[in-house]
Amino acid sequence: YLTILVFGILYAAGAIVAAMGAWPSRESSRTYLVGVMVLLPLGTAGIKANISNFGADQYDTSDPAQKAAQEKFFSWFYLAINMGSAVAYGYLTT
């Protein structure tokens, strides 16, 4: 849990730094690039590598009901990820 929290904070910090670098009165390509090319990728890598494992650890797979619940969790988890990608690339980029 601590790993996800730390990398989540890093991700949020990257978004804030990138926004500060793009602010019209304070435009700074260096600040923007640090946010977008350093902090955001580090945060994303830490979260993506651990979040699905964190979800999987919540279930006891030796129990058939828990196994089914785990499969349902992953179905909803990946649906949410794919819907977020569809909105980000299909709607927000146009």
N, C-alpha and C. Protein backbone atom coordinates (compact mmCIF):
# COMPACT_ATOMS: atom_id res chain seq x y z
N TYR A 1 0.83 -1.20 0.00
CA TYR A 1 0.00 0.00 0.00
C TYR A 1 0.87 1.26 0.00
N LEU A 2 1.93 1.24 0.77
CA LEU A 2 2.80 2.41 0.86
C LEU A 2 3.44 2.73 -0.50
N THR A 3 3.79 1.70 -1.24
CA THR A 3 4.39 1.91 -2.57
C THR A 3 3.42 2.64 -3.49
N ILE A 4 2.17 2.20 -3.49
CA ILE A 4 1.15 2.84 -4.33
C ILE A 4 0.94 4.28 -3.89
N LEU A 5 0.92 4.52 -2.60
CA LEU A 5 0.75 5.88 -2.08
C LEU A 5 1.91 6.78 -2.49
N VAL A 6 3.13 6.30 -2.34
CA VAL A 6 4.30 7.11 -2.70
C VAL A 6 4.32 7.44 -4.18
N PHE A 7 4.07 6.43 -5.01
CA PHE A 7 4.10 6.68 -6.45
C PHE A 7 2.88 7.49 -6.91
N GLY A 8 1.77 7.37 -6.19
CA GLY A 8 0.62 8.22 -6.48
C GLY A 8 0.92 9.68 -6.20
N ILE A 9 1.63 9.92 -5.11
CA ILE A 9 2.04 11.29 -4.78
C ILE A 9 3.03 11.81 -5.82
N LEU A 10 3.94 10.96 -6.26
CA LEU A 10 4.89 11.34 -7.31
C LEU A 10 4.16 11.70 -8.60
N TYR A 11 3.15 10.90 -8.93
CA TYR A 11 2.35 11.16 -10.13
C TYR A 11 1.62 12.51 -10.02
N ALA A 12 1.00 12.74 -8.87
CA ALA A 12 0.30 14.02 -8.66
C ALA A 12 1.28 15.19 -8.69
N ALA A 13 2.45 15.01 -8.10
CA ALA A 13 3.46 16.06 -8.13
C ALA A 13 3.89 16.36 -9.57
N GLY A 14 4.02 15.31 -10.39
CA GLY A 14 4.37 15.52 -11.80
C GLY A 14 3.31 16.31 -12.53
N ALA A 15 2.05 16.02 -12.25
CA ALA A 15 0.96 16.77 -12.89
C ALA A 15 0.98 18.23 -12.45
N ILE A 16 1.24 18.46 -11.19
CA ILE A 16 1.29 19.84 -10.67
C ILE A 16 2.48 20.59 -11.25
N VAL A 17 3.64 19.94 -11.30
CA VAL A 17 4.84 20.58 -11.86
C VAL A 17 4.64 20.89 -13.35
N ALA A 18 4.05 19.96 -14.08
CA ALA A 18 3.78 20.20 -15.50
C ALA A 18 2.80 21.36 -15.69
N ALA A 19 1.78 21.43 -14.86
CA ALA A 19 0.82 22.53 -14.95
C ALA A 19 1.49 23.86 -14.62
N MET A 20 2.37 23.85 -13.61
CA MET A 20 3.09 25.08 -13.28
C MET A 20 4.00 25.51 -14.42
N GLY A 21 4.64 24.55 -15.09
CA GLY A 21 5.52 24.88 -16.20
C GLY A 21 4.78 25.39 -17.42
N ALA A 22 3.50 25.04 -17.52
CA ALA A 22 2.69 25.47 -18.67
C ALA A 22 1.84 26.71 -18.36
N TRP A 23 1.88 27.18 -17.12
CA TRP A 23 1.09 28.34 -16.74
C TRP A 23 1.54 29.55 -17.55
N PRO A 24 0.62 30.30 -18.19
CA PRO A 24 1.01 31.37 -19.11
C PRO A 24 1.99 32.40 -18.54
N SER A 25 1.81 32.82 -17.32
CA SER A 25 2.71 33.86 -16.78
C SER A 25 4.04 33.28 -16.29
N ARG A 26 4.14 31.97 -16.17
CA ARG A 26 5.37 31.33 -15.68
C ARG A 26 5.89 30.26 -16.64
N GLU A 27 5.63 30.36 -17.89
CA GLU A 27 6.02 29.31 -18.83
C GLU A 27 7.49 28.96 -18.69
N SER A 28 7.74 27.66 -18.51
CA SER A 28 9.11 27.18 -18.39
C SER A 28 9.17 25.79 -18.99
N SER A 29 9.88 25.66 -20.09
CA SER A 29 9.95 24.35 -20.73
C SER A 29 10.69 23.34 -19.86
N ARG A 30 11.67 23.78 -19.09
CA ARG A 30 12.39 22.87 -18.20
C ARG A 30 11.48 22.31 -17.11
N THR A 31 10.72 23.18 -16.48
CA THR A 31 9.80 22.74 -15.44
C THR A 31 8.78 21.79 -16.01
N TYR A 32 8.23 22.14 -17.15
CA TYR A 32 7.24 21.28 -17.81
C TYR A 32 7.83 19.91 -18.13
N LEU A 33 9.02 19.89 -18.70
CA LEU A 33 9.65 18.62 -19.06
C LEU A 33 9.99 17.76 -17.85
N VAL A 34 10.40 18.38 -16.75
CA VAL A 34 10.67 17.61 -15.53
C VAL A 34 9.38 16.94 -15.06
N GLY A 35 8.28 17.67 -15.10
CA GLY A 35 7.00 17.10 -14.70
C GLY A 35 6.55 15.98 -15.62
N VAL A 36 6.64 16.23 -16.93
CA VAL A 36 6.10 15.29 -17.92
C VAL A 36 7.05 14.13 -18.22
N MET A 37 8.34 14.37 -18.20
CA MET A 37 9.30 13.33 -18.61
C MET A 37 10.00 12.63 -17.45
N VAL A 38 9.85 13.13 -16.22
CA VAL A 38 10.50 12.50 -15.08
C VAL A 38 9.47 12.04 -14.05
N LEU A 39 8.73 12.98 -13.49
CA LEU A 39 7.84 12.64 -12.38
C LEU A 39 6.62 11.82 -12.81
N LEU A 40 5.96 12.21 -13.89
CA LEU A 40 4.79 11.45 -14.36
C LEU A 40 5.14 10.01 -14.76
N PRO A 41 6.20 9.79 -15.53
CA PRO A 41 6.54 8.39 -15.86
C PRO A 41 6.92 7.55 -14.64
N LEU A 42 7.65 8.13 -13.70
CA LEU A 42 7.99 7.39 -12.49
C LEU A 42 6.74 7.02 -11.70
N GLY A 43 5.84 7.97 -11.55
CA GLY A 43 4.60 7.70 -10.84
C GLY A 43 3.76 6.67 -11.54
N THR A 44 3.64 6.78 -12.85
CA THR A 44 2.86 5.82 -13.64
C THR A 44 3.44 4.42 -13.53
N ALA A 45 4.74 4.31 -13.65
CA ALA A 45 5.38 2.98 -13.59
C ALA A 45 5.17 2.33 -12.23
N GLY A 46 5.30 3.11 -11.17
CA GLY A 46 5.12 2.55 -9.84
C GLY A 46 3.69 2.13 -9.57
N ILE A 47 2.74 2.90 -10.05
CA ILE A 47 1.34 2.57 -9.83
C ILE A 47 0.92 1.37 -10.68
N LYS A 48 1.23 1.41 -11.96
CA LYS A 48 0.79 0.34 -12.86
C LYS A 48 1.40 -1.01 -12.49
N ALA A 49 2.62 -1.01 -12.01
CA ALA A 49 3.27 -2.27 -11.67
C ALA A 49 2.70 -2.89 -10.40
N ASN A 50 2.05 -2.10 -9.56
CA ASN A 50 1.62 -2.61 -8.26
C ASN A 50 0.12 -2.65 -8.03
N ILE A 51 -0.65 -1.88 -8.76
CA ILE A 51 -2.07 -1.76 -8.45
C ILE A 51 -2.84 -3.06 -8.71
N SER A 52 -2.53 -3.76 -9.78
CA SER A 52 -3.25 -5.00 -10.05
C SER A 52 -2.87 -6.09 -9.03
N ASN A 53 -1.61 -6.11 -8.61
CA ASN A 53 -1.20 -7.05 -7.57
C ASN A 53 -1.88 -6.74 -6.25
N PHE A 54 -2.03 -5.47 -5.94
CA PHE A 54 -2.71 -5.07 -4.72
C PHE A 54 -4.16 -5.55 -4.74
N GLY A 55 -4.82 -5.41 -5.89
CA GLY A 55 -6.20 -5.90 -6.01
C GLY A 55 -6.28 -7.41 -5.90
N ALA A 56 -5.34 -8.11 -6.49
CA ALA A 56 -5.35 -9.57 -6.46
C ALA A 56 -5.11 -10.11 -5.05
N ASP A 57 -4.32 -9.40 -4.26
CA ASP A 57 -4.01 -9.85 -2.90
C ASP A 57 -5.21 -9.76 -1.95
N GLN A 58 -6.27 -9.13 -2.37
CA GLN A 58 -7.43 -8.97 -1.50
C GLN A 58 -8.29 -10.24 -1.44
N TYR A 59 -7.99 -11.21 -2.27
CA TYR A 59 -8.83 -12.40 -2.39
C TYR A 59 -8.05 -13.67 -2.05
N ASP A 60 -8.75 -14.62 -1.44
CA ASP A 60 -8.20 -15.94 -1.15
C ASP A 60 -8.63 -16.87 -2.27
N THR A 61 -7.70 -17.22 -3.15
CA THR A 61 -8.06 -18.00 -4.34
C THR A 61 -8.36 -19.46 -4.05
N SER A 62 -8.12 -19.91 -2.82
CA SER A 62 -8.46 -21.30 -2.50
C SER A 62 -9.98 -21.45 -2.27
N ASP A 63 -10.66 -20.36 -2.02
CA ASP A 63 -12.12 -20.36 -1.87
C ASP A 63 -12.75 -20.06 -3.22
N PRO A 64 -13.63 -20.93 -3.73
CA PRO A 64 -14.23 -20.70 -5.06
C PRO A 64 -15.00 -19.38 -5.18
N ALA A 65 -15.66 -18.97 -4.11
CA ALA A 65 -16.39 -17.70 -4.16
C ALA A 65 -15.42 -16.52 -4.27
N GLN A 66 -14.32 -16.61 -3.55
CA GLN A 66 -13.30 -15.56 -3.62
C GLN A 66 -12.62 -15.54 -4.99
N LYS A 67 -12.40 -16.70 -5.55
CA LYS A 67 -11.80 -16.81 -6.90
C LYS A 67 -12.70 -16.12 -7.92
N ALA A 68 -14.01 -16.37 -7.82
CA ALA A 68 -14.96 -15.72 -8.73
C ALA A 68 -14.99 -14.21 -8.51
N ALA A 69 -14.91 -13.79 -7.25
CA ALA A 69 -14.89 -12.36 -6.96
C ALA A 69 -13.62 -11.70 -7.51
N GLN A 70 -12.50 -12.42 -7.46
CA GLN A 70 -11.25 -11.90 -8.00
C GLN A 70 -11.36 -11.72 -9.52
N GLU A 71 -11.94 -12.68 -10.18
CA GLU A 71 -12.12 -12.56 -11.63
C GLU A 71 -13.04 -11.40 -11.97
N LYS A 72 -14.08 -11.21 -11.17
CA LYS A 72 -14.99 -10.08 -11.39
C LYS A 72 -14.26 -8.76 -11.17
N PHE A 73 -13.41 -8.72 -10.14
CA PHE A 73 -12.62 -7.52 -9.88
C PHE A 73 -11.78 -7.15 -11.10
N PHE A 74 -11.07 -8.15 -11.66
CA PHE A 74 -10.21 -7.86 -12.80
C PHE A 74 -11.00 -7.47 -14.03
N SER A 75 -12.18 -8.02 -14.20
CA SER A 75 -13.03 -7.62 -15.32
C SER A 75 -13.41 -6.14 -15.20
N TRP A 76 -13.82 -5.73 -14.02
CA TRP A 76 -14.18 -4.33 -13.80
C TRP A 76 -12.95 -3.43 -13.85
N PHE A 77 -11.85 -3.91 -13.33
CA PHE A 77 -10.61 -3.14 -13.32
C PHE A 77 -10.17 -2.82 -14.76
N TYR A 78 -10.12 -3.84 -15.59
CA TYR A 78 -9.67 -3.61 -16.97
C TYR A 78 -10.71 -2.86 -17.79
N LEU A 79 -11.97 -3.03 -17.48
CA LEU A 79 -13.00 -2.23 -18.15
C LEU A 79 -12.78 -0.75 -17.84
N ALA A 80 -12.53 -0.44 -16.57
CA ALA A 80 -12.30 0.95 -16.17
C ALA A 80 -11.06 1.52 -16.86
N ILE A 81 -9.99 0.73 -16.93
CA ILE A 81 -8.77 1.20 -17.59
C ILE A 81 -9.04 1.47 -19.08
N ASN A 82 -9.71 0.55 -19.74
CA ASN A 82 -9.98 0.71 -21.17
C ASN A 82 -10.95 1.85 -21.45
N MET A 83 -11.93 2.04 -20.59
CA MET A 83 -12.85 3.17 -20.77
C MET A 83 -12.11 4.50 -20.57
N GLY A 84 -11.23 4.53 -19.59
CA GLY A 84 -10.43 5.73 -19.38
C GLY A 84 -9.54 6.04 -20.57
N SER A 85 -8.96 5.01 -21.15
CA SER A 85 -8.13 5.20 -22.36
C SER A 85 -8.97 5.68 -23.53
N ALA A 86 -10.14 5.10 -23.67
CA ALA A 86 -11.03 5.51 -24.78
C ALA A 86 -11.43 6.96 -24.65
N VAL A 87 -11.75 7.39 -23.44
CA VAL A 87 -12.12 8.79 -23.23
C VAL A 87 -10.91 9.69 -23.46
N ALA A 88 -9.75 9.30 -22.93
CA ALA A 88 -8.56 10.13 -23.06
C ALA A 88 -8.13 10.29 -24.51
N TYR A 89 -8.11 9.20 -25.26
CA TYR A 89 -7.64 9.27 -26.64
C TYR A 89 -8.75 9.60 -27.63
N GLY A 90 -9.96 9.26 -27.30
CA GLY A 90 -11.06 9.50 -28.24
C GLY A 90 -11.74 10.83 -28.09
N TYR A 91 -11.81 11.33 -26.88
CA TYR A 91 -12.55 12.56 -26.63
C TYR A 91 -11.64 13.74 -26.28
N LEU A 92 -10.71 13.53 -25.37
CA LEU A 92 -9.90 14.64 -24.89
C LEU A 92 -8.85 15.12 -25.89
N THR A 93 -8.49 14.28 -26.84
CA THR A 93 -7.46 14.69 -27.81
C THR A 93 -8.04 15.43 -29.02
N THR A 94 -9.34 15.47 -29.12
CA THR A 94 -9.94 16.16 -30.29
C THR A 94 -10.46 17.51 -29.93
